[in-house]
């Protein structure tokens, strides 16, 4: 079945399931329910593997079930009352809605960037002492725009102003190295490009997160975590570490650019920039054609995703553009034959 929905859930490697099954068998051997030393060793190794993916110390990583839960863990530790927070026009809908519901927080949208030549001078002028946090996605969810996180991290900001990066669409398709980004926190799901099991997410916080107070990631993490899922996540991390992230990125972006070029050649509108450096390709088909193509996908057993732009990125609502787009996201397991079948299905549906 051609699967083009890695931006929602990348299909895990078989070793991920095998690791979880082996771990649960070890757990079942304990009559008291207590974790055995062998099982505990597997859990520790899994956390180390995930930490290695981010080039992070293990004790600066926390785990949660979803990106939203990770976001709550991180943002809930901040004092935002009577402060400003800065968000981009691509802020994830759930986070923006949560922030905007607070009467004591002034949410300000940062100026739009030209991603071909991003100019951050207008951002620099907005960052002052009353800004508690800056929220930026590393890769956006629909068009696959890449924010220049390293350059953003280099902008002057007060010590108490936290730069929080959403890496949900980045982790696994490009390098996410906490030692290079100069941010204060990273949140990410692990079920997308990293190909971890569902209900796995993480956050990283810098060693200066507490502004003079010692706050560990484990203190912020939800206390009751599914250990088998964490072991499965460790196996997914090991799979990624066994390959060059540069090679993975090249394959993913090459597949996506081929699909964009094909769409343009066939007069199919691409949502966003035609040369976006991302594995995400979203097509603006218009509602009638979108429904026809979706029916063709159902007939041919192809899985993509129709994304409601206004729900996912609500700050795009006032802009000219579609309400719904067809988001297609191949991964390294996607074959050329499957991509060709996808193209044929779109052509026959239009």
Protein backbone atom coordinates (compact mmCIF):
# COMPACT_ATOMS: atom_id res chain seq x y z
CA UNK A 1 0.00 0.00 0.00
CA UNK A 2 1.66 3.29 -1.09
CA UNK A 3 2.03 5.34 2.08
CA UNK A 4 2.60 9.11 1.88
CA UNK A 5 1.85 10.26 5.41
CA UNK A 6 5.19 10.28 7.24
CA UNK A 7 4.48 13.87 8.33
CA UNK A 8 1.75 12.35 10.54
CA UNK A 9 3.30 8.97 11.32
CA UNK A 10 6.38 7.48 9.74
CA UNK A 11 6.08 3.69 9.51
CA UNK A 12 8.35 2.15 12.18
CA UNK A 13 11.04 -0.37 11.33
CA UNK A 14 10.31 -3.97 12.36
CA UNK A 15 13.06 -3.70 15.00
CA UNK A 16 10.94 -1.12 16.85
CA UNK A 17 8.15 -3.63 17.40
CA UNK A 18 10.60 -6.42 18.23
CA UNK A 19 12.28 -4.29 20.89
CA UNK A 20 8.93 -3.53 22.53
CA UNK A 21 7.87 -7.17 22.49
CA UNK A 22 11.18 -8.32 24.04
CA UNK A 23 10.88 -5.65 26.73
CA UNK A 24 7.31 -6.60 27.61
CA UNK A 25 8.34 -10.25 27.88
CA UNK A 26 10.98 -9.23 30.42
CA UNK A 27 8.41 -7.22 32.31
CA UNK A 28 6.06 -10.22 32.36
CA UNK A 29 8.75 -12.29 34.08
CA UNK A 30 8.59 -10.08 37.16
CA UNK A 31 5.94 -11.42 39.53
CA UNK A 32 5.90 -8.18 41.52
CA UNK A 33 5.64 -5.93 38.47
CA UNK A 34 8.96 -4.28 39.34
CA UNK A 35 11.31 -3.66 36.44
CA UNK A 36 14.12 -6.19 36.22
CA UNK A 37 17.75 -5.16 35.94
CA UNK A 38 17.87 -6.42 32.35
CA UNK A 39 14.75 -4.47 31.42
CA UNK A 40 16.09 -1.39 33.17
CA UNK A 41 19.29 -1.68 31.16
CA UNK A 42 17.29 -1.71 27.93
CA UNK A 43 15.40 1.38 29.08
CA UNK A 44 18.63 3.23 29.89
CA UNK A 45 20.14 2.26 26.54
CA UNK A 46 17.03 3.50 24.75
CA UNK A 47 17.22 6.92 26.40
CA UNK A 48 20.92 7.17 25.55
CA UNK A 49 20.19 6.40 21.90
CA UNK A 50 17.54 9.11 21.70
CA UNK A 51 19.90 11.56 23.42
CA UNK A 52 22.57 10.74 20.83
CA UNK A 53 20.19 11.69 18.01
CA UNK A 54 20.01 15.21 19.46
CA UNK A 55 23.65 15.30 20.65
CA UNK A 56 22.22 15.93 24.11
CA UNK A 57 23.06 14.76 27.63
CA UNK A 58 20.48 12.21 28.75
CA UNK A 59 19.53 14.22 31.83
CA UNK A 60 18.41 17.17 29.70
CA UNK A 61 15.81 15.03 27.91
CA UNK A 62 12.27 14.41 29.05
CA UNK A 63 9.69 12.12 27.46
CA UNK A 64 5.94 12.42 27.02
CA UNK A 65 3.12 10.79 25.06
CA UNK A 66 2.49 13.61 22.58
CA UNK A 67 4.09 16.82 21.41
CA UNK A 68 1.29 18.76 23.11
CA UNK A 69 2.06 17.03 26.42
CA UNK A 70 5.74 17.88 25.95
CA UNK A 71 4.78 21.48 25.15
CA UNK A 72 2.71 21.70 28.34
CA UNK A 73 5.59 20.31 30.40
CA UNK A 74 7.99 22.93 29.07
CA UNK A 75 5.73 25.97 28.84
CA UNK A 76 4.03 25.17 32.14
CA UNK A 77 7.31 25.78 33.93
CA UNK A 78 7.56 29.35 32.60
CA UNK A 79 6.17 32.51 34.17
CA UNK A 80 4.29 34.10 31.29
CA UNK A 81 1.95 36.30 33.34
CA UNK A 82 1.86 39.91 32.13
CA UNK A 83 4.55 39.16 29.58
CA UNK A 84 4.75 39.12 25.79
CA UNK A 85 5.35 35.97 23.80
CA UNK A 86 6.38 36.00 20.16
CA UNK A 87 5.12 33.41 17.67
CA UNK A 88 5.58 32.94 13.94
CA UNK A 89 2.78 32.95 11.40
CA UNK A 90 3.19 29.16 11.23
CA UNK A 91 2.62 28.46 14.93
CA UNK A 92 0.93 25.10 15.45
CA UNK A 93 -2.79 25.63 15.98
CA UNK A 94 -3.16 23.92 19.36
CA UNK A 95 -0.31 25.94 20.87
CA UNK A 96 -1.53 29.24 19.48
CA UNK A 97 -5.06 28.64 20.73
CA UNK A 98 -3.80 27.77 24.21
CA UNK A 99 -1.66 30.90 24.39
CA UNK A 100 -4.32 33.21 22.97
CA UNK A 101 -6.89 32.06 25.55
CA UNK A 102 -4.78 33.50 28.37
CA UNK A 103 -5.86 37.01 29.35
CA UNK A 104 -2.53 37.68 31.06
CA UNK A 105 -0.34 36.95 28.04
CA UNK A 106 0.20 39.27 25.08
CA UNK A 107 0.73 37.06 22.00
CA UNK A 108 2.49 38.92 19.19
CA UNK A 109 3.03 37.52 15.71
CA UNK A 110 6.51 37.97 14.28
CA UNK A 111 6.92 39.45 10.79
CA UNK A 112 6.80 36.98 7.89
CA UNK A 113 10.11 35.89 6.41
CA UNK A 114 11.29 35.43 2.87
CA UNK A 115 12.70 31.93 3.32
CA UNK A 116 14.96 32.27 0.29
CA UNK A 117 16.71 35.22 1.98
CA UNK A 118 15.44 35.49 5.56
CA UNK A 119 15.97 38.94 7.08
CA UNK A 120 15.68 38.85 10.88
CA UNK A 121 16.28 42.56 11.48
CA UNK A 122 12.57 43.19 12.13
CA UNK A 123 12.56 40.34 14.66
CA UNK A 124 15.55 41.74 16.50
CA UNK A 125 13.68 44.99 17.25
CA UNK A 126 10.80 43.09 18.90
CA UNK A 127 12.88 41.11 21.40
CA UNK A 128 13.15 43.07 24.64
CA UNK A 129 12.94 42.59 28.40
CA UNK A 130 9.19 41.92 28.56
CA UNK A 131 9.35 38.99 26.11
CA UNK A 132 9.11 35.77 28.10
CA UNK A 133 9.31 33.31 25.21
CA UNK A 134 9.79 33.03 21.46
CA UNK A 135 8.12 30.06 19.74
CA UNK A 136 9.50 28.95 16.36
CA UNK A 137 8.97 25.77 14.29
CA UNK A 138 12.10 24.28 12.75
CA UNK A 139 10.14 22.94 9.77
CA UNK A 140 6.54 24.02 9.16
CA UNK A 141 3.76 21.46 9.02
CA UNK A 142 2.15 22.16 5.66
CA UNK A 143 4.50 23.91 3.24
CA UNK A 144 7.67 22.50 4.80
CA UNK A 145 9.34 25.90 5.21
CA UNK A 146 12.59 25.82 7.17
CA UNK A 147 13.13 28.54 9.73
CA UNK A 148 16.79 29.59 10.17
CA UNK A 149 16.97 28.41 13.77
CA UNK A 150 20.72 28.94 14.20
CA UNK A 151 20.42 32.55 13.03
CA UNK A 152 17.37 33.10 15.21
CA UNK A 153 19.24 31.64 18.18
CA UNK A 154 22.07 34.09 17.53
CA UNK A 155 19.76 37.13 17.88
CA UNK A 156 20.38 39.03 21.14
CA UNK A 157 17.79 38.15 23.76
CA UNK A 158 17.52 38.76 27.52
CA UNK A 159 18.63 35.85 29.72
CA UNK A 160 15.04 35.24 30.82
CA UNK A 161 13.68 35.14 27.27
CA UNK A 162 13.37 31.53 26.20
CA UNK A 163 13.64 30.38 22.59
CA UNK A 164 11.46 27.28 22.23
CA UNK A 165 11.79 25.28 19.00
CA UNK A 166 9.14 22.91 17.66
CA UNK A 167 11.07 20.16 15.87
CA UNK A 168 8.09 17.87 15.21
CA UNK A 169 8.56 18.01 11.43
CA UNK A 170 12.36 18.13 11.61
CA UNK A 171 13.51 15.34 13.92
CA UNK A 172 14.47 12.42 11.69
CA UNK A 173 14.48 14.21 8.35
CA UNK A 174 17.26 16.72 9.14
CA UNK A 175 19.90 17.24 11.80
CA UNK A 176 18.58 18.48 15.15
CA UNK A 177 21.71 19.16 17.18
CA UNK A 178 21.03 20.99 20.43
CA UNK A 179 24.67 22.06 20.73
CA UNK A 180 24.39 24.11 17.53
CA UNK A 181 20.96 25.73 17.72
CA UNK A 182 21.46 28.11 20.69
CA UNK A 183 17.88 27.61 21.81
CA UNK A 184 16.53 26.97 25.31
CA UNK A 185 14.10 24.15 24.64
CA UNK A 186 13.10 21.75 21.89
CA UNK A 187 9.85 19.82 21.71
CA UNK A 188 9.05 17.10 19.22
CA UNK A 189 6.89 14.13 18.52
CA UNK A 190 8.86 10.98 17.71
CA UNK A 191 6.30 9.15 15.58
CA UNK A 192 6.87 11.14 12.39
CA UNK A 193 10.23 11.29 10.62
CA UNK A 194 12.05 9.51 13.47
CA UNK A 195 9.63 6.58 12.95
CA UNK A 196 9.10 5.89 16.63
CA UNK A 197 5.94 4.25 17.94
CA UNK A 198 2.80 6.30 18.38
CA UNK A 199 2.42 8.01 21.77
CA UNK A 200 6.10 8.94 21.97
CA UNK A 201 7.39 12.51 22.18
CA UNK A 202 10.28 14.31 23.81
CA UNK A 203 11.53 17.63 25.02
CA UNK A 204 14.99 18.97 25.66
CA UNK A 205 15.77 21.86 28.00
CA UNK A 206 19.04 23.73 28.34
CA UNK A 207 21.02 23.55 31.57
CA UNK A 208 20.10 27.20 32.21
CA UNK A 209 16.37 26.63 31.84
CA UNK A 210 15.56 27.47 35.45
CA UNK A 211 17.05 30.99 35.37
CA UNK A 212 19.28 30.31 38.35
CA UNK A 213 17.16 27.45 39.73
CA UNK A 214 18.10 23.84 39.06
CA UNK A 215 15.30 22.27 37.03
CA UNK A 216 15.80 18.83 35.51
CA UNK A 217 13.91 17.47 32.53
CA UNK A 218 12.76 14.51 34.63
CA UNK A 219 10.99 16.91 37.00
CA UNK A 220 8.96 18.32 34.12
CA UNK A 221 8.16 15.01 32.44
CA UNK A 222 4.87 13.19 33.11
CA UNK A 223 5.55 10.65 35.88
CA UNK A 224 3.80 7.57 34.48
CA UNK A 225 5.34 6.73 31.12
CA UNK A 226 4.95 3.63 29.01
CA UNK A 227 8.40 2.09 29.26
CA UNK A 228 7.86 -0.33 26.39
CA UNK A 229 7.14 2.59 24.08
CA UNK A 230 10.35 4.29 25.23
CA UNK A 231 12.31 1.14 24.41
CA UNK A 232 10.67 1.08 20.99
CA UNK A 233 11.65 4.71 20.55
CA UNK A 234 15.22 3.77 21.42
CA UNK A 235 15.16 1.18 18.63
CA UNK A 236 13.93 3.83 16.19
CA UNK A 237 16.76 6.10 17.31
CA UNK A 238 19.27 3.29 16.74
CA UNK A 239 17.91 2.83 13.22
CA UNK A 240 18.47 6.52 12.51
CA UNK A 241 21.94 6.48 14.05
CA UNK A 242 22.85 3.59 11.76
CA UNK A 243 22.53 5.88 8.74
CA UNK A 244 23.87 9.24 7.72
CA UNK A 245 21.29 11.93 8.48
CA UNK A 246 22.70 13.87 5.52
CA UNK A 247 21.99 10.93 3.21
CA UNK A 248 18.46 10.58 4.61
CA UNK A 249 17.83 14.28 4.12
CA UNK A 250 19.12 14.18 0.55
CA UNK A 251 16.86 11.25 -0.33
CA UNK A 252 13.79 12.83 1.26
CA UNK A 253 14.29 16.25 -0.30
CA UNK A 254 15.09 14.70 -3.69
CA UNK A 255 11.87 12.67 -3.63
CA UNK A 256 9.89 15.74 -2.64
CA UNK A 257 11.48 17.99 -5.24
CA UNK A 258 10.77 15.42 -7.94
CA UNK A 259 7.11 15.42 -6.90
CA UNK A 260 6.96 19.23 -6.87
CA UNK A 261 8.55 19.44 -10.31
CA UNK A 262 6.10 16.86 -11.64
CA UNK A 263 3.16 18.81 -10.14
CA UNK A 264 4.29 22.08 -11.70
CA UNK A 265 4.84 20.42 -15.08
CA UNK A 266 1.28 19.07 -14.90
CA UNK A 267 -0.23 22.41 -13.79
CA UNK A 268 -0.97 21.16 -10.29
CA UNK A 269 -0.58 23.97 -7.76
CA UNK A 270 2.03 23.45 -5.05
CA UNK A 271 1.20 25.05 -1.71
CA UNK A 272 4.16 27.16 -0.60
CA UNK A 273 7.51 27.50 -2.31
CA UNK A 274 8.24 25.29 -5.30
CA UNK A 275 11.84 24.82 -4.14
CA UNK A 276 11.23 24.26 -0.43
CA UNK A 277 14.03 22.20 1.15
CA UNK A 278 11.73 19.74 2.84
CA UNK A 279 10.26 16.26 2.52
CA UNK A 280 6.73 17.70 2.79
CA UNK A 281 4.81 18.41 -0.41
CA UNK A 282 1.34 19.95 -0.17
CA UNK A 283 -0.86 20.35 -3.23
CA UNK A 284 -3.56 23.00 -3.62
CA UNK A 285 -6.11 21.16 -5.74
CA UNK A 286 -9.27 23.10 -4.91
CA UNK A 287 -12.16 21.43 -3.11
CA UNK A 288 -13.84 19.60 -6.07
CA UNK A 289 -10.56 18.12 -7.37
CA UNK A 290 -9.36 17.41 -3.85
CA UNK A 291 -12.42 15.26 -3.24
CA UNK A 292 -11.99 13.46 -6.58
CA UNK A 293 -8.32 12.71 -5.92
CA UNK A 294 -9.16 11.52 -2.41
CA UNK A 295 -11.68 9.08 -3.88
CA UNK A 296 -9.02 7.85 -6.30
CA UNK A 297 -6.63 7.31 -3.39
CA UNK A 298 -9.25 5.25 -1.57
CA UNK A 299 -9.80 3.17 -4.70
CA UNK A 300 -6.08 2.56 -5.25
CA UNK A 301 -5.11 2.08 -1.60
CA UNK A 302 -2.92 5.19 -1.43
CA UNK A 303 -2.56 7.01 1.87
CA UNK A 304 -1.95 10.75 2.01
CA UNK A 305 -3.56 13.36 4.23
CA UNK A 306 -6.00 16.20 3.68
CA UNK A 307 -4.92 18.99 6.02
CA UNK A 308 -7.12 21.87 7.16
CA UNK A 309 -4.75 24.84 6.90
CA UNK A 310 -6.88 27.06 9.11
CA UNK A 311 -6.91 24.52 11.94
CA UNK A 312 -3.25 23.53 11.76
CA UNK A 313 -1.87 27.02 11.13
CA UNK A 314 -4.67 29.40 12.19
CA UNK A 315 -2.58 32.52 11.63
CA UNK A 316 -2.85 31.77 7.90
CA UNK A 317 -6.64 32.29 8.01
CA UNK A 318 -6.51 35.92 6.94
CA UNK A 319 -4.31 35.18 3.95
CA UNK A 320 -5.33 34.28 0.44
CA UNK A 321 -5.03 30.56 0.03
CA UNK A 322 -6.85 27.26 0.28
CA UNK A 323 -8.65 25.99 3.35
CA UNK A 324 -7.62 22.38 2.68
CA UNK A 325 -4.57 20.92 0.95
CA UNK A 326 -3.38 17.42 0.10
CA UNK A 327 -0.19 16.80 2.09
CA UNK A 328 2.13 14.10 0.77
CA UNK A 329 5.16 12.93 2.70
CA UNK A 330 7.26 10.02 1.51
CA UNK A 331 10.05 8.45 3.56
CA UNK A 332 13.15 6.38 2.88
CA UNK A 333 11.03 3.25 2.60
CA UNK A 334 9.03 4.74 -0.31
CA UNK A 335 9.85 3.16 -3.68
CA UNK A 336 9.96 4.80 -7.10
CA UNK A 337 7.10 2.52 -8.16
CA UNK A 338 4.94 3.85 -5.32
CA UNK A 339 5.74 7.45 -6.28
CA UNK A 340 4.79 6.70 -9.90
CA UNK A 341 1.54 5.11 -8.73
CA UNK A 342 0.84 8.25 -6.68
CA UNK A 343 1.36 10.50 -9.73
CA UNK A 344 -0.91 8.32 -11.88
CA UNK A 345 -3.63 8.40 -9.23
CA UNK A 346 -3.52 12.19 -9.02
CA UNK A 347 -3.64 12.49 -12.82
CA UNK A 348 -6.62 10.16 -13.09
CA UNK A 349 -8.44 12.02 -10.31
CA UNK A 350 -8.14 15.44 -11.94
